[in-house]
C-alpha atoms as a PDB file:
ATOM      1  CA  MET A   1      63.398 145.380  74.672  1.00  0.00           C
ATOM      2  CA  ILE A   2      60.131 144.541  76.477  1.00  0.00           C
ATOM      3  CA  GLU A   3      56.907 143.537  74.770  1.00  0.00           C
ATOM      4  CA  GLU A   4      53.526 142.865  76.369  1.00  0.00           C
ATOM      5  CA  ILE A   5      52.166 139.706  74.752  1.00  0.00           C
ATOM      6  CA  LEU A   6      48.959 139.161  76.733  1.00  0.00           C
ATOM      7  CA  PRO A   7      47.648 140.503  80.022  1.00  0.00           C
ATOM      8  CA  ASP A   8      50.422 139.953  82.609  1.00  0.00           C
ATOM      9  CA  ILE A   9      52.670 138.151  80.086  1.00  0.00           C
ATOM     10  CA  TYR A  10      55.761 140.002  78.884  1.00  0.00           C
ATOM     11  CA  LYS A  11      58.743 139.161  76.697  1.00  0.00           C
ATOM     12  CA  ILE A  12      62.196 140.497  77.584  1.00  0.00           C
ATOM     13  CA  GLU A  13      64.731 140.172  74.783  1.00  0.00           C
ATOM     14  CA  ILE A  14      68.065 139.100  76.274  1.00  0.00           C
ATOM     15  CA  PRO A  15      71.040 139.638  73.904  1.00  0.00           C
ATOM     16  CA  LEU A  16      73.451 136.842  73.019  1.00  0.00           C
ATOM     17  CA  PRO A  17      76.436 138.808  71.671  1.00  0.00           C
ATOM     18  CA  GLY A  18      78.373 137.127  68.893  1.00  0.00           C
ATOM     19  CA  ASN A  19      75.851 134.282  68.682  1.00  0.00           C
ATOM     20  CA  PRO A  20      73.919 133.572  65.439  1.00  0.00           C
ATOM     21  CA  LEU A  21      70.761 133.285  67.545  1.00  0.00           C
ATOM     22  CA  LYS A  22      71.216 136.986  68.451  1.00  0.00           C
ATOM     23  CA  ALA A  23      68.949 136.872  71.520  1.00  0.00           C
ATOM     24  CA  ILE A  24      66.878 134.700  73.791  1.00  0.00           C
ATOM     25  CA  ASN A  25      63.261 135.415  74.653  1.00  0.00           C
ATOM     26  CA  SER A  26      62.805 135.486  78.422  1.00  0.00           C
ATOM     27  CA  TYR A  27      59.168 135.625  79.469  1.00  0.00           C
ATOM     28  CA  VAL A  28      57.666 137.081  82.626  1.00  0.00           C
ATOM     29  CA  ILE A  29      54.236 136.145  83.922  1.00  0.00           C
ATOM     30  CA  ARG A  30      53.523 138.899  86.408  1.00  0.00           C
ATOM     31  CA  ASP A  31      51.371 138.478  89.500  1.00  0.00           C
ATOM     32  CA  SER A  32      50.890 140.488  92.670  1.00  0.00           C
ATOM     33  CA  VAL A  33      51.911 137.518  94.851  1.00  0.00           C
ATOM     34  CA  ARG A  34      54.678 135.688  92.957  1.00  0.00           C
ATOM     35  CA  SER A  35      55.704 136.112  89.338  1.00  0.00           C
ATOM     36  CA  LEU A  36      57.352 133.560  87.048  1.00  0.00           C
ATOM     37  CA  ILE A  37      60.377 134.107  84.809  1.00  0.00           C
ATOM     38  CA  ILE A  38      60.764 131.597  81.969  1.00  0.00           C
ATOM     39  CA  ASP A  39      64.388 131.149  80.786  1.00  0.00           C
ATOM     40  CA  THR A  40      67.112 133.680  81.458  1.00  0.00           C
ATOM     41  CA  GLY A  41      70.239 133.929  79.285  1.00  0.00           C
ATOM     42  CA  LEU A  42      73.950 133.220  79.478  1.00  0.00           C
ATOM     43  CA  ASN A  43      76.085 133.932  82.521  1.00  0.00           C
ATOM     44  CA  ARG A  44      77.482 137.179  81.192  1.00  0.00           C
ATOM     45  CA  LYS A  45      77.113 140.877  81.909  1.00  0.00           C
ATOM     46  CA  GLU A  46      75.114 141.747  78.780  1.00  0.00           C
ATOM     47  CA  CYS A  47      72.433 139.221  79.733  1.00  0.00           C
ATOM     48  CA  MET A  48      72.368 140.300  83.368  1.00  0.00           C
ATOM     49  CA  ASP A  49      72.031 143.981  82.449  1.00  0.00           C
ATOM     50  CA  ALA A  50      69.166 143.310  80.036  1.00  0.00           C
ATOM     51  CA  MET A  51      67.357 141.150  82.594  1.00  0.00           C
ATOM     52  CA  HIS A  52      67.686 143.710  85.390  1.00  0.00           C
ATOM     53  CA  THR A  53      66.572 146.528  83.070  1.00  0.00           C
ATOM     54  CA  GLY A  54      63.524 144.564  81.958  1.00  0.00           C
ATOM     55  CA  LEU A  55      62.483 143.549  85.462  1.00  0.00           C
ATOM     56  CA  ARG A  56      62.946 147.101  86.729  1.00  0.00           C
ATOM     57  CA  LYS A  57      60.681 148.460  83.967  1.00  0.00           C
ATOM     58  CA  LEU A  58      58.070 145.877  84.944  1.00  0.00           C
ATOM     59  CA  GLY A  59      58.381 146.873  88.600  1.00  0.00           C
ATOM     60  CA  LEU A  60      59.308 143.300  89.517  1.00  0.00           C
ATOM     61  CA  LYS A  61      61.683 142.424  92.353  1.00  0.00           C
ATOM     62  CA  LEU A  62      63.624 139.156  92.203  1.00  0.00           C
ATOM     63  CA  ARG A  63      62.602 138.220  95.734  1.00  0.00           C
ATOM     64  CA  ASP A  64      59.027 138.025  94.416  1.00  0.00           C
ATOM     65  CA  ALA A  65      59.847 135.803  91.421  1.00  0.00           C
ATOM     66  CA  ASP A  66      60.233 132.093  90.673  1.00  0.00           C
ATOM     67  CA  PHE A  67      61.850 130.567  87.574  1.00  0.00           C
ATOM     68  CA  PHE A  68      60.912 127.942  85.015  1.00  0.00           C
ATOM     69  CA  ILE A  69      63.790 126.705  82.842  1.00  0.00           C
ATOM     70  CA  THR A  70      62.773 124.843  79.702  1.00  0.00           C
ATOM     71  CA  HIS A  71      66.037 122.939  79.280  1.00  0.00           C
ATOM     72  CA  LEU A  72      69.702 122.503  80.069  1.00  0.00           C
ATOM     73  CA  HIS A  73      71.373 124.703  77.458  1.00  0.00           C
ATOM     74  CA  ALA A  74      73.305 127.592  78.941  1.00  0.00           C
ATOM     75  CA  ASP A  75      71.522 130.362  77.038  1.00  0.00           C
ATOM     76  CA  HIS A  76      68.390 129.344  78.939  1.00  0.00           C
ATOM     77  CA  PHE A  77      69.631 128.492  82.439  1.00  0.00           C
ATOM     78  CA  ALA A  78      73.116 129.891  83.078  1.00  0.00           C
ATOM     79  CA  LEU A  79      71.976 133.252  84.436  1.00  0.00           C
ATOM     80  CA  VAL A  80      69.664 131.681  87.027  1.00  0.00           C
ATOM     81  CA  PRO A  81      72.289 131.206  89.790  1.00  0.00           C
ATOM     82  CA  SER A  82      72.954 134.956  89.683  1.00  0.00           C
ATOM     83  CA  LEU A  83      69.248 135.808  89.901  1.00  0.00           C
ATOM     84  CA  VAL A  84      67.793 133.473  92.525  1.00  0.00           C
ATOM     85  CA  THR A  85      67.108 134.640  96.047  1.00  0.00           C
ATOM     86  CA  ASN A  86      66.426 132.632  99.186  1.00  0.00           C
ATOM     87  CA  THR A  87      62.714 132.843  98.358  1.00  0.00           C
ATOM     88  CA  SER A  88      62.994 131.591  94.767  1.00  0.00           C
ATOM     89  CA  ARG A  89      61.783 128.304  93.356  1.00  0.00           C
ATOM     90  CA  VAL A  90      63.479 127.020  90.217  1.00  0.00           C
ATOM     91  CA  TYR A  91      61.297 124.609  88.224  1.00  0.00           C
ATOM     92  CA  PHE A  92      63.361 122.200  86.127  1.00  0.00           C
ATOM     93  CA  ASN A  93      63.121 118.770  84.549  1.00  0.00           C
ATOM     94  CA  GLN A  94      64.678 115.595  85.961  1.00  0.00           C
ATOM     95  CA  PRO A  95      66.623 114.250  82.934  1.00  0.00           C
ATOM     96  CA  ASP A  96      68.500 117.507  82.323  1.00  0.00           C
ATOM     97  CA  ALA A  97      69.121 117.981  86.055  1.00  0.00           C
ATOM     98  CA  GLN A  98      70.627 114.500  86.288  1.00  0.00           C
ATOM     99  CA  ARG A  99      72.813 115.048  83.251  1.00  0.00           C
ATOM    100  CA  HIS A 100      74.137 118.324  84.615  1.00  0.00           C
ATOM    101  CA  ALA A 101      74.777 116.816  88.050  1.00  0.00           C
ATOM    102  CA  ARG A 102      76.923 114.039  86.556  1.00  0.00           C
ATOM    103  CA  GLY A 103      79.702 116.458  85.650  1.00  0.00           C
ATOM    104  CA  GLY A 104      82.369 115.838  83.045  1.00  0.00           C
ATOM    105  CA  VAL A 105      79.839 116.203  80.227  1.00  0.00           C
ATOM    106  CA  TRP A 106      82.059 118.521  78.173  1.00  0.00           C
ATOM    107  CA  TYR A 107      84.904 116.032  78.117  1.00  0.00           C
ATOM    108  CA  GLU A 108      82.537 113.206  77.167  1.00  0.00           C
ATOM    109  CA  MET A 109      81.351 115.342  74.261  1.00  0.00           C
ATOM    110  CA  VAL A 110      84.934 116.007  73.137  1.00  0.00           C
ATOM    111  CA  ALA A 111      85.686 112.267  73.250  1.00  0.00           C
ATOM    112  CA  ALA A 112      82.572 111.557  71.177  1.00  0.00           C
ATOM    113  CA  ALA A 113      83.480 114.282  68.675  1.00  0.00           C
ATOM    114  CA  ARG A 114      86.948 112.761  68.315  1.00  0.00           C
ATOM    115  CA  MET A 115      85.450 109.323  67.678  1.00  0.00           C
ATOM    116  CA  HIS A 116      83.153 110.795  65.016  1.00  0.00           C
ATOM    117  CA  GLY A 117      86.025 112.344  63.088  1.00  0.00           C
ATOM    118  CA  PHE A 118      86.204 115.896  64.414  1.00  0.00           C
ATOM    119  CA  PRO A 119      89.788 116.997  63.656  1.00  0.00           C
ATOM    120  CA  GLU A 120      92.075 117.027  66.673  1.00  0.00           C
ATOM    121  CA  ARG A 121      93.535 120.407  65.725  1.00  0.00           C
ATOM    122  CA  GLU A 122      90.075 121.999  66.017  1.00  0.00           C
ATOM    123  CA  LEU A 123      88.663 120.156  69.025  1.00  0.00           C
ATOM    124  CA  GLN A 124      89.999 122.375  71.791  1.00  0.00           C
ATOM    125  CA  SER A 125      89.084 125.492  69.852  1.00  0.00           C
ATOM    126  CA  ALA A 126      85.550 124.167  69.410  1.00  0.00           C
ATOM    127  CA  LEU A 127      85.313 123.607  73.158  1.00  0.00           C
ATOM    128  CA  ARG A 128      86.751 126.992  74.123  1.00  0.00           C
ATOM    129  CA  ASN A 129      84.427 128.808  71.727  1.00  0.00           C
ATOM    130  CA  HIS A 130      81.271 126.962  72.724  1.00  0.00           C
ATOM    131  CA  PRO A 131      78.966 129.521  74.411  1.00  0.00           C
ATOM    132  CA  GLY A 132      77.836 126.961  76.962  1.00  0.00           C
ATOM    133  CA  TYR A 133      81.428 126.245  77.967  1.00  0.00           C
ATOM    134  CA  ARG A 134      82.441 129.925  78.099  1.00  0.00           C
ATOM    135  CA  TYR A 135      79.305 131.334  79.719  1.00  0.00           C
ATOM    136  CA  GLY A 136      77.713 128.387  81.491  1.00  0.00           C
ATOM    137  CA  ALA A 137      77.163 127.992  85.214  1.00  0.00           C
ATOM    138  CA  ARG A 138      76.609 125.338  87.833  1.00  0.00           C
ATOM    139  CA  LEU A 139      73.044 124.545  88.836  1.00  0.00           C
ATOM    140  CA  ASP A 140      74.196 124.462  92.444  1.00  0.00           C
ATOM    141  CA  MET A 141      70.849 125.424  93.958  1.00  0.00           C
ATOM    142  CA  PRO A 142      67.725 123.577  95.062  1.00  0.00           C
ATOM    143  CA  LEU A 143      65.552 122.621  92.102  1.00  0.00           C
ATOM    144  CA  SER A 144      61.817 122.004  92.073  1.00  0.00           C
ATOM    145  CA  ILE A 145      61.572 119.039  89.714  1.00  0.00           C
ATOM    146  CA  VAL A 146      58.474 118.971  87.501  1.00  0.00           C
ATOM    147  CA  ASN A 147      57.209 116.133  85.333  1.00  0.00           C
ATOM    148  CA  GLN A 148      54.685 115.561  82.569  1.00  0.00           C
ATOM    149  CA  GLY A 149      51.235 116.793  83.620  1.00  0.00           C
ATOM    150  CA  ASP A 150      52.362 118.796  86.661  1.00  0.00           C
ATOM    151  CA  THR A 151      50.743 122.221  86.974  1.00  0.00           C
ATOM    152  CA  ILE A 152      52.116 125.661  87.829  1.00  0.00           C
ATOM    153  CA  GLU A 153      49.589 128.384  88.680  1.00  0.00           C
ATOM    154  CA  ILE A 154      50.551 132.037  88.307  1.00  0.00           C
ATOM    155  CA  GLY A 155      47.818 134.653  88.690  1.00  0.00           C
ATOM    156  CA  ARG A 156      45.143 134.143  86.031  1.00  0.00           C
ATOM    157  CA  TYR A 157      47.117 131.361  84.299  1.00  0.00           C
ATOM    158  CA  ARG A 158      47.362 127.637  85.004  1.00  0.00           C
ATOM    159  CA  PHE A 159      50.152 125.910  83.092  1.00  0.00           C
ATOM    160  CA  LEU A 160      50.616 122.231  82.302  1.00  0.00           C
ATOM    161  CA  CYS A 161      54.147 120.859  82.075  1.00  0.00           C
ATOM    162  CA  ILE A 162      54.659 119.025  78.760  1.00  0.00           C
ATOM    163  CA  GLU A 163      57.732 116.810  78.371  1.00  0.00           C
ATOM    164  CA  THR A 164      59.213 117.316  74.892  1.00  0.00           C
ATOM    165  CA  PRO A 165      62.603 115.527  74.716  1.00  0.00           C
ATOM    166  CA  GLY A 166      64.699 115.906  71.594  1.00  0.00           C
ATOM    167  CA  HIS A 167      66.520 119.229  71.722  1.00  0.00           C
ATOM    168  CA  THR A 168      67.725 117.980  75.119  1.00  0.00           C
ATOM    169  CA  ARG A 169      66.812 114.820  76.997  1.00  0.00           C
ATOM    170  CA  GLY A 170      64.454 116.596  79.344  1.00  0.00           C
ATOM    171  CA  HIS A 171      63.232 119.608  77.376  1.00  0.00           C
ATOM    172  CA  MET A 172      59.909 120.809  78.773  1.00  0.00           C
ATOM    173  CA  CYS A 173      57.245 123.200  77.492  1.00  0.00           C
ATOM    174  CA  LEU A 174      54.495 125.008  79.390  1.00  0.00           C
ATOM    175  CA  PHE A 175      50.951 124.863  78.022  1.00  0.00           C
ATOM    176  CA  GLU A 176      47.961 126.925  79.121  1.00  0.00           C
ATOM    177  CA  PRO A 177      44.952 124.980  77.784  1.00  0.00           C
ATOM    178  CA  ASP A 178      42.292 127.623  78.504  1.00  0.00           C
ATOM    179  CA  LYS A 179      44.241 130.429  76.817  1.00  0.00           C
ATOM    180  CA  ARG A 180      45.827 128.014  74.278  1.00  0.00           C
ATOM    181  CA  ILE A 181      49.345 129.346  74.891  1.00  0.00           C
ATOM    182  CA  LEU A 182      52.514 127.262  74.523  1.00  0.00           C
ATOM    183  CA  PHE A 183      55.860 128.385  75.897  1.00  0.00           C
ATOM    184  CA  SER A 184      57.918 126.220  73.571  1.00  0.00           C
ATOM    185  CA  GLY A 185      61.523 126.895  74.611  1.00  0.00           C
ATOM    186  CA  ASP A 186      63.653 125.489  71.788  1.00  0.00           C
ATOM    187  CA  HIS A 187      61.198 122.730  70.879  1.00  0.00           C
ATOM    188  CA  ILE A 188      59.375 124.792  68.245  1.00  0.00           C
ATOM    189  CA  LEU A 189      61.038 127.807  66.626  1.00  0.00           C
ATOM    190  CA  GLY A 190      59.800 129.869  63.705  1.00  0.00           C
ATOM    191  CA  ASP A 191      62.309 131.006  61.075  1.00  0.00           C
ATOM    192  CA  ILE A 192      65.059 128.631  62.259  1.00  0.00           C
ATOM    193  CA  THR A 193      65.021 124.921  63.073  1.00  0.00           C
ATOM    194  CA  PRO A 194      65.995 123.691  66.546  1.00  0.00           C
ATOM    195  CA  ASN A 195      69.398 122.033  66.577  1.00  0.00           C
ATOM    196  CA  ILE A 196      68.895 118.326  67.263  1.00  0.00           C
ATOM    197  CA  GLN A 197      72.318 116.919  68.032  1.00  0.00           C
ATOM    198  CA  SER A 198      73.868 113.960  69.798  1.00  0.00           C
ATOM    199  CA  TRP A 199      77.198 113.227  71.453  1.00  0.00           C
ATOM    200  CA  SER A 200      76.148 109.935  72.979  1.00  0.00           C
ATOM    201  CA  ASP A 201      74.963 106.528  71.802  1.00  0.00           C
ATOM    202  CA  ASP A 202      72.501 105.962  74.631  1.00  0.00           C
ATOM    203  CA  TRP A 203      69.526 107.756  73.089  1.00  0.00           C
ATOM    204  CA  ASN A 204      68.040 108.722  69.737  1.00  0.00           C
ATOM    205  CA  PRO A 205      67.293 112.474  69.821  1.00  0.00           C
ATOM    206  CA  VAL A 206      65.789 112.734  66.319  1.00  0.00           C
ATOM    207  CA  ARG A 207      63.301 109.953  67.071  1.00  0.00           C
ATOM    208  CA  GLU A 208      62.453 111.536  70.429  1.00  0.00           C
ATOM    209  CA  TYR A 209      62.088 114.962  68.839  1.00  0.00           C
ATOM    210  CA  LEU A 210      59.679 113.719  66.175  1.00  0.00           C
ATOM    211  CA  LEU A 211      57.580 111.963  68.837  1.00  0.00           C
ATOM    212  CA  SER A 212      57.542 115.177  70.884  1.00  0.00           C
ATOM    213  CA  LEU A 213      56.364 117.138  67.852  1.00  0.00           C
ATOM    214  CA  ASP A 214      53.510 114.655  67.466  1.00  0.00           C
ATOM    215  CA  LYS A 215      52.614 115.117  71.135  1.00  0.00           C
ATOM    216  CA  VAL A 216      52.387 118.898  70.780  1.00  0.00           C
ATOM    217  CA  TYR A 217      50.488 118.588  67.491  1.00  0.00           C
ATOM    218  CA  GLU A 218      47.601 117.079  69.479  1.00  0.00           C
ATOM    219  CA  LEU A 219      47.357 120.153  71.721  1.00  0.00           C
ATOM    220  CA  ASP A 220      44.997 123.006  70.880  1.00  0.00           C
ATOM    221  CA  VAL A 221      47.606 125.765  70.591  1.00  0.00           C
ATOM    222  CA  GLU A 222      46.787 129.234  69.316  1.00  0.00           C
ATOM    223  CA  LEU A 223      49.967 131.112  70.313  1.00  0.00           C
ATOM    224  CA  VAL A 224      53.523 129.749  70.481  1.00  0.00           C
ATOM    225  CA  LEU A 225      56.009 131.736  72.548  1.00  0.00           C
ATOM    226  CA  PRO A 226      59.426 130.342  71.544  1.00  0.00           C
ATOM    227  CA  GLY A 227      62.844 130.710  73.112  1.00  0.00           C
ATOM    228  CA  HIS A 228      64.241 132.576  70.100  1.00  0.00           C
ATOM    229  CA  ARG A 229      63.028 134.840  67.334  1.00  0.00           C
ATOM    230  CA  ALA A 230      59.405 135.607  66.491  1.00  0.00           C
ATOM    231  CA  ILE A 231      56.180 134.502  68.147  1.00  0.00           C
ATOM    232  CA  LEU A 232      54.121 131.969  66.126  1.00  0.00           C
ATOM    233  CA  THR A 233      50.423 131.535  65.470  1.00  0.00           C
ATOM    234  CA  ASN A 234      50.660 128.521  63.130  1.00  0.00           C
ATOM    235  CA  CYS A 235      51.718 125.759  65.524  1.00  0.00           C
ATOM    236  CA  ARG A 236      50.506 122.730  63.577  1.00  0.00           C
ATOM    237  CA  GLN A 237      51.772 124.062  60.263  1.00  0.00           C
ATOM    238  CA  ARG A 238      55.181 124.714  61.798  1.00  0.00           C
ATOM    239  CA  ILE A 239      55.286 121.201  63.262  1.00  0.00           C
ATOM    240  CA  GLN A 240      54.643 119.758  59.813  1.00  0.00           C
ATOM    241  CA  GLU A 241      57.444 121.932  58.415  1.00  0.00           C
ATOM    242  CA  LEU A 242      59.864 120.775  61.120  1.00  0.00           C
ATOM    243  CA  LYS A 243      59.020 117.113  60.495  1.00  0.00           C
ATOM    244  CA  HIS A 244      59.543 117.643  56.760  1.00  0.00           C
ATOM    245  CA  HIS A 245      62.914 119.259  57.491  1.00  0.00           C
ATOM    246  CA  HIS A 246      64.105 116.171  59.359  1.00  0.00           C
ATOM    247  CA  ARG A 247      62.833 113.819  56.660  1.00  0.00           C
ATOM    248  CA  LYS A 248      64.862 115.805  54.113  1.00  0.00           C
ATOM    249  CA  ARG A 249      67.875 115.762  56.445  1.00  0.00           C
ATOM    250  CA  ALA A 250      67.700 111.973  56.704  1.00  0.00           C
ATOM    251  CA  GLU A 251      67.395 111.648  52.919  1.00  0.00           C
ATOM    252  CA  GLU A 252      70.379 113.955  52.468  1.00  0.00           C
ATOM    253  CA  VAL A 253      72.523 111.793  54.754  1.00  0.00           C
ATOM    254  CA  LEU A 254      71.566 108.665  52.799  1.00  0.00           C
ATOM    255  CA  LEU A 255      72.504 110.347  49.532  1.00  0.00           C
ATOM    256  CA  ILE A 256      75.890 111.316  50.967  1.00  0.00           C
ATOM    257  CA  LEU A 257      76.538 107.747  52.092  1.00  0.00           C
ATOM    258  CA  GLU A 258      75.674 106.439  48.626  1.00  0.00           C
ATOM    259  CA  LYS A 259      79.097 107.768  47.602  1.00  0.00           C
ATOM    260  CA  GLY A 260      80.829 105.596  50.176  1.00  0.00           C
ATOM    261  CA  PRO A 261      81.521 105.161  53.906  1.00  0.00           C
ATOM    262  CA  GLU A 262      82.045 108.349  55.918  1.00  0.00           C
ATOM    263  CA  ASN A 263      82.421 109.489  59.514  1.00  0.00           C
ATOM    264  CA  ALA A 264      79.993 112.035  60.961  1.00  0.00           C
ATOM    265  CA  PHE A 265      82.333 115.003  60.482  1.00  0.00           C
ATOM    266  CA  GLN A 266      82.704 114.096  56.806  1.00  0.00           C
ATOM    267  CA  VAL A 267      78.931 113.711  56.445  1.00  0.00           C
ATOM    268  CA  ALA A 268      78.362 117.111  58.099  1.00  0.00           C
ATOM    269  CA  SER A 269      80.827 118.730  55.689  1.00  0.00           C
ATOM    270  CA  GLN A 270      78.608 117.679  52.748  1.00  0.00           C
ATOM    271  CA  MET A 271      75.227 118.554  54.261  1.00  0.00           C
ATOM    272  CA  SER A 272      73.456 121.822  53.409  1.00  0.00           C
ATOM    273  CA  TRP A 273      73.646 124.534  56.064  1.00  0.00           C
ATOM    274  CA  ASP A 274      72.134 127.990  56.260  1.00  0.00           C
ATOM    275  CA  ILE A 275      75.509 129.649  56.812  1.00  0.00           C
ATOM    276  CA  ILE A 276      77.104 132.128  54.418  1.00  0.00           C
ATOM    277  CA  CYS A 277      80.530 130.582  53.799  1.00  0.00           C
ATOM    278  CA  GLU A 278      82.298 129.689  50.568  1.00  0.00           C
ATOM    279  CA  SER A 279      83.307 126.281  51.879  1.00  0.00           C
ATOM    280  CA  TRP A 280      83.112 123.959  54.878  1.00  0.00           C
ATOM    281  CA  ASP A 281      86.744 124.773  55.671  1.00  0.00           C
ATOM    282  CA  LEU A 282      85.743 128.394  56.272  1.00  0.00           C
ATOM    283  CA  PHE A 283      82.906 127.546  58.677  1.00  0.00           C
ATOM    284  CA  PRO A 284      83.476 128.917  62.193  1.00  0.00           C
ATOM    285  CA  VAL A 285      84.663 126.026  64.330  1.00  0.00           C
ATOM    286  CA  SER A 286      81.664 126.432  66.667  1.00  0.00           C
ATOM    287  CA  GLN A 287      79.308 125.931  63.712  1.00  0.00           C
ATOM    288  CA  LYS A 288      81.238 122.844  62.617  1.00  0.00           C
ATOM    289  CA  TRP A 289      80.614 121.517  66.139  1.00  0.00           C
ATOM    290  CA  PHE A 290      76.854 122.032  65.980  1.00  0.00           C
ATOM    291  CA  ALA A 291      76.682 120.659  62.420  1.00  0.00           C
ATOM    292  CA  THR A 292      78.611 117.535  63.375  1.00  0.00           C
ATOM    293  CA  GLY A 293      76.361 116.969  66.385  1.00  0.00           C
ATOM    294  CA  GLU A 294      73.314 117.185  64.131  1.00  0.00           C
ATOM    295  CA  ALA A 295      74.896 114.793  61.637  1.00  0.00           C
ATOM    296  CA  ILE A 296      75.552 112.291  64.444  1.00  0.00           C
ATOM    297  CA  ALA A 297      71.922 112.536  65.570  1.00  0.00           C
ATOM    298  CA  HIS A 298      70.627 111.745  62.092  1.00  0.00           C
ATOM    299  CA  LEU A 299      73.115 108.920  61.623  1.00  0.00           C
ATOM    300  CA  ILE A 300      71.923 107.362  64.901  1.00  0.00           C
ATOM    301  CA  TYR A 301      68.314 107.753  63.717  1.00  0.00           C
ATOM    302  CA  LEU A 302      69.055 106.006  60.415  1.00  0.00           C
ATOM    303  CA  GLU A 303      71.126 103.318  62.112  1.00  0.00           C
ATOM    304  CA  GLU A 304      68.247 102.457  64.435  1.00  0.00           C
ATOM    305  CA  LYS A 305      65.998 102.186  61.384  1.00  0.00           C
ATOM    306  CA  ASP A 306      68.523  99.678  59.986  1.00  0.00           C
ATOM    307  CA  LEU A 307      69.127 101.794  56.882  1.00  0.00           C
ATOM    308  CA  ILE A 308      72.824 102.227  57.643  1.00  0.00           C
ATOM    309  CA  TYR A 309      75.386 100.482  59.825  1.00  0.00           C
ATOM    310  CA  ARG A 310      78.426 101.524  61.812  1.00  0.00           C
ATOM    311  CA  LYS A 311      81.844 100.011  62.210  1.00  0.00           C
ATOM    312  CA  ARG A 312      84.993 101.123  64.012  1.00  0.00           C
ATOM    313  CA  ALA A 313      88.208 101.760  62.119  1.00  0.00           C
ATOM    314  CA  GLU A 314      91.282 103.118  63.882  1.00  0.00           C
ATOM    315  CA  GLY A 315      89.149 104.404  66.723  1.00  0.00           C
ATOM    316  CA  LYS A 316      86.688 106.222  64.457  1.00  0.00           C
ATOM    317  CA  ALA A 317      83.006 105.488  63.835  1.00  0.00           C
ATOM    318  CA  ILE A 318      82.424 104.943  60.112  1.00  0.00           C
ATOM    319  CA  TYR A 319      78.929 104.742  58.616  1.00  0.00           C
ATOM    320  CA  SER A 320      77.869 102.876  55.491  1.00  0.00           C
ATOM    321  CA  LEU A 321      74.642 102.132  53.667  1.00  0.00           C
ATOM    322  CA  HIS A 322      73.219  98.650  53.904  1.00  0.00           C
ATOM    323  CA  ILE A 323      73.573  96.918  50.548  1.00  0.00           C
ATOM    324  CA  THR A 324      69.788  97.067  50.014  1.00  0.00           C
ATOM    325  CA  GLN A 325      70.063 100.884  49.942  1.00  0.00           C
ATOM    326  CA  ILE A 326      72.549 101.009  47.069  1.00  0.00           C
END
């Protein structure tokens, strides 16, 4: 499905079969010289067919297009290697590019999940069923690295690159200050909350995400074009809602730990999730993975605030409230 949002700005809905997100919004800024495609889809036939159909209806040839990828997750970048031509530029952020280039990230995530209590019998299934693992791709192409404040000009539009880490380490939005448009990727979504998860101890994604929300709150945004679901016109209100959501998440984790020490998987099993299942045991294993990652992120956030502490027991990370919290 193609929708014209503003003059020369179009949304192509790219399906994500079997995924709760249902689709990704790929945006095209069309120009007679070079057009820009923002985010693409997974490396699978359904995404490729929808992209080619959309571009054909817009009369756009890939040799006349560049790409801007908001972040590392496969539903946004994995189709790019199959779309680029020898004339394409692919704009991408440095932190996510470095993380992808390191390699071995999946196995580091599995090791972290194991340490945080994810059951061994479900680990390999969680990996095999992860859409990024099944339908990802290598970023084995030249990248045009962009940083905070860099500009990209396409036709009548001049976009500022806005670094918004949290959903990933290098997540980046595009902001058009004159038209007050924000391409928000997965930083700001409407009827769902971006998944803020962690599989590493070397950063605090919830803290970074909240700071990034504050950064965007200061921008004069009239129209938010997100990576999934509906377009938004209430940017500041939605930011306040997202910040409230994470405050409630943190409070929920503290309440769970009041009952006694737990690992992250155990904490996740007691958190509230917008999934229709009779019990945690019946959750799809892929959703247990995302929930556990989000629980880890909030535990790291609370640990840095010195509200909880961590210890190791039999190779597992166990979290407890500080005595002053009881």
